[in-house]
Amino acid sequence: MEKALKRKRITLYRRFDNVASPPHLFNLQVRLAKRIIEAELQIRLGGNKDTWGYHLDRLYALGDAMVWALLSQFTIRQLGRYESVRTSLIGQEGDYLQTMARYRSRAQTSIYLFADLTRCITIGDIIEVVGDDEIRIIEIKTSIPERPTAEQMLSGRNGRQFSKLFGSPNS
């Protein structure tokens, strides 16, 4: 089984080496997400934790490599500045692949990095690479009302993330 998993990783590595456009990068990230979900599911179902865990670590290393290939060290340090609890892709509300699919048409012309496919980005859900020194952090919220009030936006997890990024309103 280890050889089969290694072949799957090598296929992804080769695709990474040949990324030539935003759509290629997006498609690689979709494939990576499917492999991560597969590994998490095997671990959950009682598969060999050492084998599948190693495979999962190598998959996340590929996600990190994508980030390091596209962003500056300073930006990566800022995006990974805060420790967060790592949630599995299969454990997230809704279907992670469906969330990714919502960005397929935009990824034809823009570069998007999906934070949950990495271990080095701990802020935001999606990072849009706008330019050499410019990114846009996108948060995907399934529990926010369509027209949230200021109180709703600044309470709970949203409020904590806002405070981390911009400082506490009392400081």
N, C-alpha and C. Protein backbone atom coordinates (compact mmCIF):
# COMPACT_ATOMS: atom_id res chain seq x y z
N MET A 1 0.82 -1.20 0.00
CA MET A 1 0.00 0.00 0.00
C MET A 1 0.86 1.26 0.00
N GLU A 2 1.99 1.20 0.71
CA GLU A 2 2.85 2.38 0.79
C GLU A 2 3.36 2.80 -0.58
N LYS A 3 3.66 1.82 -1.43
CA LYS A 3 4.12 2.14 -2.78
C LYS A 3 3.02 2.80 -3.61
N ALA A 4 1.79 2.33 -3.43
CA ALA A 4 0.66 2.93 -4.16
C ALA A 4 0.43 4.37 -3.72
N LEU A 5 0.55 4.62 -2.42
CA LEU A 5 0.39 5.99 -1.92
C LEU A 5 1.51 6.88 -2.42
N LYS A 6 2.72 6.34 -2.45
CA LYS A 6 3.86 7.11 -2.96
C LYS A 6 3.64 7.47 -4.43
N ARG A 7 3.11 6.54 -5.22
CA ARG A 7 2.83 6.82 -6.64
C ARG A 7 1.81 7.95 -6.77
N LYS A 8 0.81 7.95 -5.90
CA LYS A 8 -0.20 9.03 -5.92
C LYS A 8 0.46 10.37 -5.62
N ARG A 9 1.37 10.38 -4.65
CA ARG A 9 2.07 11.63 -4.30
C ARG A 9 2.97 12.07 -5.44
N ILE A 10 3.68 11.14 -6.05
CA ILE A 10 4.57 11.49 -7.16
C ILE A 10 3.78 12.10 -8.31
N THR A 11 2.60 11.58 -8.57
CA THR A 11 1.74 12.16 -9.61
C THR A 11 1.41 13.61 -9.28
N LEU A 12 1.09 13.87 -8.02
CA LEU A 12 0.80 15.25 -7.61
C LEU A 12 2.05 16.13 -7.71
N TYR A 13 3.21 15.60 -7.30
CA TYR A 13 4.45 16.37 -7.38
C TYR A 13 4.74 16.77 -8.82
N ARG A 14 4.55 15.84 -9.73
CA ARG A 14 4.80 16.13 -11.15
C ARG A 14 3.84 17.20 -11.67
N ARG A 15 2.60 17.11 -11.24
CA ARG A 15 1.63 18.15 -11.65
C ARG A 15 2.06 19.52 -11.11
N PHE A 16 2.57 19.52 -9.88
CA PHE A 16 3.04 20.77 -9.28
C PHE A 16 4.20 21.34 -10.10
N ASP A 17 5.11 20.48 -10.51
CA ASP A 17 6.25 20.93 -11.32
C ASP A 17 5.81 21.53 -12.65
N ASN A 18 4.63 21.14 -13.12
CA ASN A 18 4.16 21.60 -14.43
C ASN A 18 3.06 22.65 -14.36
N VAL A 19 2.81 23.20 -13.18
CA VAL A 19 1.79 24.26 -13.07
C VAL A 19 2.24 25.46 -13.88
N ALA A 20 1.37 25.87 -14.80
CA ALA A 20 1.74 26.98 -15.70
C ALA A 20 0.71 28.10 -15.72
N SER A 21 -0.38 27.93 -14.98
CA SER A 21 -1.44 28.95 -15.02
C SER A 21 -2.33 28.81 -13.79
N PRO A 22 -3.12 29.84 -13.50
CA PRO A 22 -4.05 29.74 -12.37
C PRO A 22 -4.99 28.53 -12.45
N PRO A 23 -5.55 28.20 -13.63
CA PRO A 23 -6.41 27.01 -13.65
C PRO A 23 -5.66 25.71 -13.32
N HIS A 24 -4.40 25.61 -13.76
CA HIS A 24 -3.61 24.42 -13.42
C HIS A 24 -3.41 24.33 -11.90
N LEU A 25 -3.11 25.47 -11.27
CA LEU A 25 -2.92 25.48 -9.82
C LEU A 25 -4.21 25.10 -9.11
N PHE A 26 -5.33 25.64 -9.56
CA PHE A 26 -6.61 25.32 -8.96
C PHE A 26 -6.90 23.83 -9.06
N ASN A 27 -6.73 23.27 -10.26
CA ASN A 27 -7.00 21.84 -10.46
C ASN A 27 -6.08 20.97 -9.60
N LEU A 28 -4.84 21.37 -9.44
CA LEU A 28 -3.93 20.64 -8.57
C LEU A 28 -4.42 20.67 -7.12
N GLN A 29 -4.91 21.82 -6.68
CA GLN A 29 -5.41 21.93 -5.31
C GLN A 29 -6.66 21.08 -5.11
N VAL A 30 -7.51 20.96 -6.13
CA VAL A 30 -8.68 20.09 -6.02
C VAL A 30 -8.22 18.64 -5.87
N ARG A 31 -7.26 18.23 -6.68
CA ARG A 31 -6.72 16.86 -6.57
C ARG A 31 -6.09 16.64 -5.19
N LEU A 32 -5.36 17.64 -4.71
CA LEU A 32 -4.74 17.54 -3.40
C LEU A 32 -5.81 17.40 -2.31
N ALA A 33 -6.86 18.20 -2.39
CA ALA A 33 -7.95 18.10 -1.41
C ALA A 33 -8.57 16.71 -1.41
N LYS A 34 -8.77 16.14 -2.58
CA LYS A 34 -9.34 14.78 -2.67
C LYS A 34 -8.43 13.76 -2.01
N ARG A 35 -7.13 13.90 -2.20
CA ARG A 35 -6.18 12.97 -1.58
C ARG A 35 -6.14 13.15 -0.06
N ILE A 36 -6.22 14.41 0.41
CA ILE A 36 -6.25 14.66 1.86
C ILE A 36 -7.52 14.05 2.46
N ILE A 37 -8.65 14.25 1.81
CA ILE A 37 -9.91 13.69 2.30
C ILE A 37 -9.83 12.16 2.33
N GLU A 38 -9.25 11.58 1.29
CA GLU A 38 -9.09 10.12 1.24
C GLU A 38 -8.25 9.64 2.43
N ALA A 39 -7.14 10.29 2.71
CA ALA A 39 -6.27 9.89 3.81
C ALA A 39 -6.97 10.07 5.16
N GLU A 40 -7.66 11.18 5.35
CA GLU A 40 -8.38 11.41 6.61
C GLU A 40 -9.46 10.35 6.82
N LEU A 41 -10.14 10.01 5.75
CA LEU A 41 -11.19 9.00 5.83
C LEU A 41 -10.60 7.63 6.19
N GLN A 42 -9.47 7.28 5.58
CA GLN A 42 -8.83 5.99 5.90
C GLN A 42 -8.39 5.94 7.36
N ILE A 43 -7.87 7.04 7.87
CA ILE A 43 -7.47 7.09 9.28
C ILE A 43 -8.70 6.94 10.16
N ARG A 44 -9.78 7.64 9.81
CA ARG A 44 -11.01 7.57 10.60
C ARG A 44 -11.60 6.17 10.59
N LEU A 45 -11.46 5.46 9.46
CA LEU A 45 -12.03 4.11 9.33
C LEU A 45 -11.13 3.02 9.92
N GLY A 46 -10.01 3.44 10.50
CA GLY A 46 -9.15 2.47 11.17
C GLY A 46 -7.99 1.97 10.34
N GLY A 47 -7.69 2.66 9.25
CA GLY A 47 -6.52 2.29 8.45
C GLY A 47 -5.25 2.50 9.24
N ASN A 48 -4.15 1.97 8.74
CA ASN A 48 -2.86 2.08 9.42
C ASN A 48 -2.51 3.56 9.62
N LYS A 49 -2.53 3.99 10.87
CA LYS A 49 -2.32 5.42 11.17
C LYS A 49 -0.92 5.89 10.79
N ASP A 50 0.08 5.04 10.94
CA ASP A 50 1.44 5.44 10.57
C ASP A 50 1.54 5.66 9.06
N THR A 51 1.04 4.72 8.29
CA THR A 51 1.11 4.81 6.83
C THR A 51 0.30 5.99 6.32
N TRP A 52 -0.96 6.05 6.73
CA TRP A 52 -1.83 7.12 6.24
C TRP A 52 -1.43 8.47 6.82
N GLY A 53 -0.95 8.49 8.07
CA GLY A 53 -0.50 9.74 8.68
C GLY A 53 0.71 10.31 7.96
N TYR A 54 1.66 9.44 7.61
CA TYR A 54 2.83 9.88 6.84
C TYR A 54 2.40 10.42 5.48
N HIS A 55 1.49 9.70 4.83
CA HIS A 55 0.96 10.14 3.53
C HIS A 55 0.31 11.52 3.67
N LEU A 56 -0.48 11.68 4.70
CA LEU A 56 -1.16 12.96 4.95
C LEU A 56 -0.15 14.09 5.18
N ASP A 57 0.89 13.82 5.96
CA ASP A 57 1.93 14.83 6.19
C ASP A 57 2.59 15.25 4.88
N ARG A 58 2.87 14.29 4.02
CA ARG A 58 3.50 14.59 2.73
C ARG A 58 2.56 15.40 1.84
N LEU A 59 1.26 15.12 1.92
CA LEU A 59 0.28 15.88 1.13
C LEU A 59 0.25 17.34 1.59
N TYR A 60 0.23 17.54 2.91
CA TYR A 60 0.24 18.91 3.43
C TYR A 60 1.54 19.63 3.08
N ALA A 61 2.64 18.88 3.00
CA ALA A 61 3.92 19.48 2.59
C ALA A 61 3.82 20.02 1.17
N LEU A 62 3.08 19.33 0.31
CA LEU A 62 2.87 19.82 -1.05
C LEU A 62 2.05 21.11 -1.03
N GLY A 63 1.02 21.14 -0.20
CA GLY A 63 0.24 22.38 -0.05
C GLY A 63 1.11 23.53 0.41
N ASP A 64 1.98 23.26 1.36
CA ASP A 64 2.91 24.29 1.84
C ASP A 64 3.86 24.74 0.73
N ALA A 65 4.31 23.79 -0.08
CA ALA A 65 5.22 24.14 -1.19
C ALA A 65 4.56 25.10 -2.17
N MET A 66 3.28 24.91 -2.41
CA MET A 66 2.55 25.84 -3.30
C MET A 66 2.59 27.26 -2.73
N VAL A 67 2.37 27.35 -1.43
CA VAL A 67 2.38 28.66 -0.77
C VAL A 67 3.76 29.30 -0.89
N TRP A 68 4.81 28.54 -0.59
CA TRP A 68 6.17 29.07 -0.63
C TRP A 68 6.59 29.45 -2.05
N ALA A 69 6.00 28.81 -3.05
CA ALA A 69 6.34 29.13 -4.44
C ALA A 69 5.69 30.44 -4.88
N LEU A 70 4.63 30.86 -4.19
CA LEU A 70 3.86 32.01 -4.67
C LEU A 70 3.91 33.24 -3.78
N LEU A 71 4.24 33.07 -2.50
CA LEU A 71 4.20 34.20 -1.57
C LEU A 71 5.58 34.46 -0.98
N SER A 72 5.77 35.68 -0.53
CA SER A 72 7.04 36.05 0.10
C SER A 72 7.11 35.47 1.52
N GLN A 73 8.33 35.35 2.03
CA GLN A 73 8.52 34.85 3.39
C GLN A 73 7.77 35.70 4.41
N PHE A 74 7.83 37.01 4.24
CA PHE A 74 7.14 37.90 5.17
C PHE A 74 5.64 37.62 5.19
N THR A 75 5.05 37.49 4.01
CA THR A 75 3.61 37.24 3.91
C THR A 75 3.26 35.91 4.56
N ILE A 76 4.05 34.88 4.30
CA ILE A 76 3.79 33.56 4.87
C ILE A 76 3.88 33.61 6.39
N ARG A 77 4.88 34.31 6.89
CA ARG A 77 4.99 34.44 8.36
C ARG A 77 3.77 35.14 8.94
N GLN A 78 3.26 36.15 8.28
CA GLN A 78 2.08 36.86 8.78
C GLN A 78 0.85 35.97 8.72
N LEU A 79 0.71 35.21 7.65
CA LEU A 79 -0.46 34.34 7.49
C LEU A 79 -0.41 33.13 8.43
N GLY A 80 0.76 32.79 8.92
CA GLY A 80 0.90 31.65 9.82
C GLY A 80 1.24 32.05 11.24
N ARG A 81 1.03 33.31 11.54
CA ARG A 81 1.47 33.89 12.80
C ARG A 81 0.74 33.33 14.02
N TYR A 82 -0.50 32.93 13.84
CA TYR A 82 -1.31 32.50 14.98
C TYR A 82 -1.57 31.01 14.89
N GLU A 83 -1.35 30.34 16.00
CA GLU A 83 -1.64 28.91 16.05
C GLU A 83 -3.15 28.73 16.02
N SER A 84 -3.55 27.71 15.31
CA SER A 84 -4.97 27.42 15.27
C SER A 84 -5.17 25.92 15.38
N VAL A 85 -6.35 25.54 15.74
CA VAL A 85 -6.69 24.13 15.82
C VAL A 85 -6.93 23.65 14.39
N ARG A 86 -6.23 22.62 14.01
CA ARG A 86 -6.34 22.08 12.66
C ARG A 86 -7.59 21.22 12.59
N THR A 87 -8.51 21.56 11.72
CA THR A 87 -9.69 20.72 11.52
C THR A 87 -9.49 19.92 10.25
N SER A 88 -10.07 18.75 10.23
CA SER A 88 -9.94 17.92 9.03
C SER A 88 -10.89 18.44 7.96
N LEU A 89 -10.57 18.13 6.72
CA LEU A 89 -11.45 18.55 5.63
C LEU A 89 -12.78 17.83 5.70
N ILE A 90 -12.77 16.56 6.10
CA ILE A 90 -14.04 15.84 6.17
C ILE A 90 -14.84 16.23 7.41
N GLY A 91 -14.19 16.87 8.37
CA GLY A 91 -14.88 17.28 9.59
C GLY A 91 -15.50 18.67 9.51
N GLN A 92 -15.28 19.37 8.41
CA GLN A 92 -15.81 20.72 8.29
C GLN A 92 -17.28 20.68 7.89
N GLU A 93 -17.99 21.71 8.29
CA GLU A 93 -19.38 21.83 7.90
C GLU A 93 -19.47 21.94 6.39
N GLY A 94 -20.42 21.26 5.80
CA GLY A 94 -20.56 21.32 4.36
C GLY A 94 -19.49 20.51 3.67
N ASP A 95 -19.48 20.57 2.39
CA ASP A 95 -18.53 19.81 1.60
C ASP A 95 -17.41 20.71 1.13
N TYR A 96 -16.18 20.41 1.55
CA TYR A 96 -15.03 21.25 1.23
C TYR A 96 -14.84 21.38 -0.28
N LEU A 97 -15.05 20.29 -0.99
CA LEU A 97 -14.88 20.33 -2.45
C LEU A 97 -15.92 21.24 -3.11
N GLN A 98 -17.11 21.32 -2.53
CA GLN A 98 -18.12 22.24 -3.06
C GLN A 98 -17.70 23.69 -2.84
N THR A 99 -17.09 23.96 -1.69
CA THR A 99 -16.58 25.30 -1.44
C THR A 99 -15.52 25.66 -2.48
N MET A 100 -14.63 24.73 -2.74
CA MET A 100 -13.61 24.97 -3.76
C MET A 100 -14.24 25.21 -5.13
N ALA A 101 -15.24 24.43 -5.46
CA ALA A 101 -15.88 24.53 -6.77
C ALA A 101 -16.47 25.91 -7.02
N ARG A 102 -16.87 26.60 -5.96
CA ARG A 102 -17.42 27.96 -6.12
C ARG A 102 -16.37 28.92 -6.68
N TYR A 103 -15.09 28.56 -6.58
CA TYR A 103 -14.01 29.43 -7.05
C TYR A 103 -13.43 28.99 -8.40
N ARG A 104 -13.97 27.94 -8.99
CA ARG A 104 -13.42 27.41 -10.25
C ARG A 104 -13.39 28.46 -11.35
N SER A 105 -14.48 29.17 -11.56
CA SER A 105 -14.50 30.16 -12.65
C SER A 105 -13.57 31.33 -12.36
N ARG A 106 -13.51 31.75 -11.11
CA ARG A 106 -12.60 32.85 -10.75
C ARG A 106 -11.14 32.43 -10.91
N ALA A 107 -10.86 31.14 -10.69
CA ALA A 107 -9.49 30.63 -10.76
C ALA A 107 -9.00 30.51 -12.20
N GLN A 108 -9.81 30.87 -13.16
CA GLN A 108 -9.35 30.88 -14.54
C GLN A 108 -8.38 32.03 -14.78
N THR A 109 -8.55 33.10 -14.00
CA THR A 109 -7.71 34.28 -14.21
C THR A 109 -7.01 34.77 -12.95
N SER A 110 -7.38 34.24 -11.79
CA SER A 110 -6.78 34.68 -10.53
C SER A 110 -6.20 33.49 -9.79
N ILE A 111 -5.20 33.76 -8.96
CA ILE A 111 -4.54 32.70 -8.20
C ILE A 111 -5.16 32.66 -6.80
N TYR A 112 -5.66 31.49 -6.44
CA TYR A 112 -6.22 31.26 -5.11
C TYR A 112 -5.47 30.14 -4.44
N LEU A 113 -5.15 30.33 -3.16
CA LEU A 113 -4.54 29.29 -2.34
C LEU A 113 -5.54 28.94 -1.24
N PHE A 114 -5.85 27.68 -1.10
CA PHE A 114 -6.82 27.23 -0.11
C PHE A 114 -6.07 26.86 1.17
N ALA A 115 -6.28 27.66 2.20
CA ALA A 115 -5.50 27.57 3.44
C ALA A 115 -5.58 26.20 4.10
N ASP A 116 -6.71 25.54 4.03
CA ASP A 116 -6.85 24.26 4.72
C ASP A 116 -6.10 23.12 4.03
N LEU A 117 -5.46 23.41 2.92
CA LEU A 117 -4.61 22.41 2.25
C LEU A 117 -3.16 22.59 2.66
N THR A 118 -2.93 23.49 3.61
CA THR A 118 -1.58 23.79 4.07
C THR A 118 -1.52 23.67 5.58
N ARG A 119 -0.31 23.67 6.09
CA ARG A 119 -0.12 23.76 7.53
C ARG A 119 0.53 25.08 7.89
N CYS A 120 0.89 25.87 6.86
CA CYS A 120 1.60 27.12 7.15
C CYS A 120 0.69 28.34 7.13
N ILE A 121 -0.52 28.23 6.66
CA ILE A 121 -1.46 29.36 6.69
C ILE A 121 -2.50 29.07 7.76
N THR A 122 -2.58 29.98 8.74
CA THR A 122 -3.53 29.79 9.84
C THR A 122 -4.57 30.90 9.92
N ILE A 123 -4.52 31.85 9.01
CA ILE A 123 -5.49 32.94 8.98
C ILE A 123 -6.20 32.90 7.64
N GLY A 124 -7.51 32.97 7.67
CA GLY A 124 -8.28 32.98 6.44
C GLY A 124 -8.55 31.58 5.93
N ASP A 125 -9.48 31.51 4.98
CA ASP A 125 -9.81 30.25 4.35
C ASP A 125 -9.20 30.16 2.95
N ILE A 126 -9.21 31.28 2.26
CA ILE A 126 -8.66 31.34 0.91
C ILE A 126 -7.80 32.60 0.81
N ILE A 127 -6.66 32.45 0.16
CA ILE A 127 -5.78 33.59 -0.07
C ILE A 127 -5.76 33.85 -1.56
N GLU A 128 -6.19 35.04 -1.97
CA GLU A 128 -6.10 35.42 -3.37
C GLU A 128 -4.78 36.17 -3.55
N VAL A 129 -3.97 35.70 -4.47
CA VAL A 129 -2.70 36.36 -4.76
C VAL A 129 -2.98 37.41 -5.82
N VAL A 130 -2.96 38.68 -5.41
CA VAL A 130 -3.31 39.79 -6.29
C VAL A 130 -2.07 40.28 -7.04
N GLY A 131 -0.95 40.35 -6.36
CA GLY A 131 0.30 40.82 -6.95
C GLY A 131 1.47 40.33 -6.13
N ASP A 132 2.67 40.76 -6.50
CA ASP A 132 3.87 40.32 -5.79
C ASP A 132 3.79 40.57 -4.30
N ASP A 133 3.30 41.73 -3.91
CA ASP A 133 3.22 42.09 -2.49
C ASP A 133 1.79 42.34 -2.04
N GLU A 134 0.84 41.77 -2.74
CA GLU A 134 -0.56 42.03 -2.38
C GLU A 134 -1.36 40.74 -2.41
N ILE A 135 -2.06 40.50 -1.30
CA ILE A 135 -2.96 39.36 -1.20
C ILE A 135 -4.31 39.84 -0.69
N ARG A 136 -5.29 39.02 -0.84
CA ARG A 136 -6.61 39.27 -0.28
C ARG A 136 -6.98 38.03 0.53
N ILE A 137 -7.33 38.21 1.79
CA ILE A 137 -7.73 37.10 2.66
C ILE A 137 -9.24 36.96 2.57
N ILE A 138 -9.69 35.76 2.25
CA ILE A 138 -11.12 35.49 2.10
C ILE A 138 -11.54 34.52 3.19
N GLU A 139 -12.57 34.88 3.92
CA GLU A 139 -13.15 34.02 4.95
C GLU A 139 -14.46 33.46 4.40
N ILE A 140 -14.62 32.18 4.49
CA ILE A 140 -15.86 31.53 4.08
C ILE A 140 -16.65 31.25 5.35
N LYS A 141 -17.78 31.85 5.47
CA LYS A 141 -18.60 31.67 6.66
C LYS A 141 -19.93 31.05 6.27
N THR A 142 -20.25 29.94 6.91
CA THR A 142 -21.53 29.31 6.65
C THR A 142 -22.56 29.71 7.70
N SER A 143 -22.09 30.30 8.80
CA SER A 143 -23.02 30.60 9.89
C SER A 143 -23.32 32.09 10.03
N ILE A 144 -22.85 32.90 9.10
CA ILE A 144 -23.09 34.34 9.19
C ILE A 144 -24.38 34.68 8.43
N PRO A 145 -25.26 35.46 9.03
CA PRO A 145 -26.47 35.86 8.33
C PRO A 145 -26.13 36.67 7.07
N GLU A 146 -27.09 36.73 6.15
CA GLU A 146 -26.86 37.45 4.89
C GLU A 146 -26.51 38.91 5.13
N ARG A 147 -27.15 39.56 6.09
CA ARG A 147 -26.87 40.96 6.42
C ARG A 147 -26.53 41.04 7.92
N PRO A 148 -25.30 40.70 8.28
CA PRO A 148 -24.94 40.68 9.71
C PRO A 148 -24.85 42.09 10.29
N THR A 149 -25.15 42.18 11.58
CA THR A 149 -24.98 43.43 12.30
C THR A 149 -23.52 43.54 12.72
N ALA A 150 -23.09 44.74 13.13
CA ALA A 150 -21.71 44.92 13.60
C ALA A 150 -21.44 44.02 14.80
N GLU A 151 -22.42 43.90 15.69
CA GLU A 151 -22.25 43.04 16.87
C GLU A 151 -22.01 41.58 16.46
N GLN A 152 -22.75 41.09 15.47
CA GLN A 152 -22.57 39.72 15.02
C GLN A 152 -21.19 39.53 14.37
N MET A 153 -20.73 40.53 13.65
CA MET A 153 -19.44 40.41 12.97
C MET A 153 -18.27 40.47 13.94
N LEU A 154 -18.44 41.15 15.08
CA LEU A 154 -17.32 41.33 16.01
C LEU A 154 -17.39 40.41 17.22
N SER A 155 -18.31 39.46 17.21
CA SER A 155 -18.39 38.53 18.34
C SER A 155 -17.91 37.15 17.91
N GLY A 156 -17.59 36.33 18.89
CA GLY A 156 -17.18 34.96 18.62
C GLY A 156 -15.88 34.87 17.84
N ARG A 157 -15.80 33.86 16.98
CA ARG A 157 -14.58 33.61 16.19
C ARG A 157 -14.26 34.80 15.30
N ASN A 158 -15.28 35.40 14.69
CA ASN A 158 -15.04 36.56 13.82
C ASN A 158 -14.38 37.69 14.58
N GLY A 159 -14.88 37.96 15.77
CA GLY A 159 -14.32 39.03 16.58
C GLY A 159 -12.88 38.76 16.98
N ARG A 160 -12.59 37.50 17.34
CA ARG A 160 -11.22 37.14 17.71
C ARG A 160 -10.28 37.33 16.52
N GLN A 161 -10.71 36.90 15.32
CA GLN A 161 -9.86 37.06 14.14
C GLN A 161 -9.68 38.54 13.81
N PHE A 162 -10.74 39.32 13.95
CA PHE A 162 -10.63 40.76 13.70
C PHE A 162 -9.63 41.38 14.66
N SER A 163 -9.72 40.99 15.95
CA SER A 163 -8.79 41.54 16.95
C SER A 163 -7.34 41.16 16.64
N LYS A 164 -7.12 39.93 16.19
CA LYS A 164 -5.77 39.49 15.85
C LYS A 164 -5.21 40.32 14.71
N LEU A 165 -6.04 40.58 13.73
CA LEU A 165 -5.57 41.30 12.55
C LEU A 165 -5.43 42.79 12.78
N PHE A 166 -6.36 43.39 13.52
CA PHE A 166 -6.41 44.84 13.61
C PHE A 166 -6.24 45.40 15.01
N GLY A 167 -6.09 44.51 15.99
CA GLY A 167 -5.95 44.97 17.36
C GLY A 167 -7.30 45.10 18.03
N SER A 168 -7.28 45.02 19.31
CA SER A 168 -8.49 45.12 20.10
C SER A 168 -9.03 46.55 20.04
N PRO A 169 -10.35 46.72 19.99
CA PRO A 169 -10.91 48.07 19.96
C PRO A 169 -10.58 48.87 21.23
N ASN A 170 -10.22 48.18 22.32
CA ASN A 170 -9.93 48.85 23.59
C ASN A 170 -8.44 49.23 23.73
N SER A 171 -7.63 48.85 22.73
CA SER A 171 -6.18 49.13 22.90
C SER A 171 -5.78 50.42 22.24
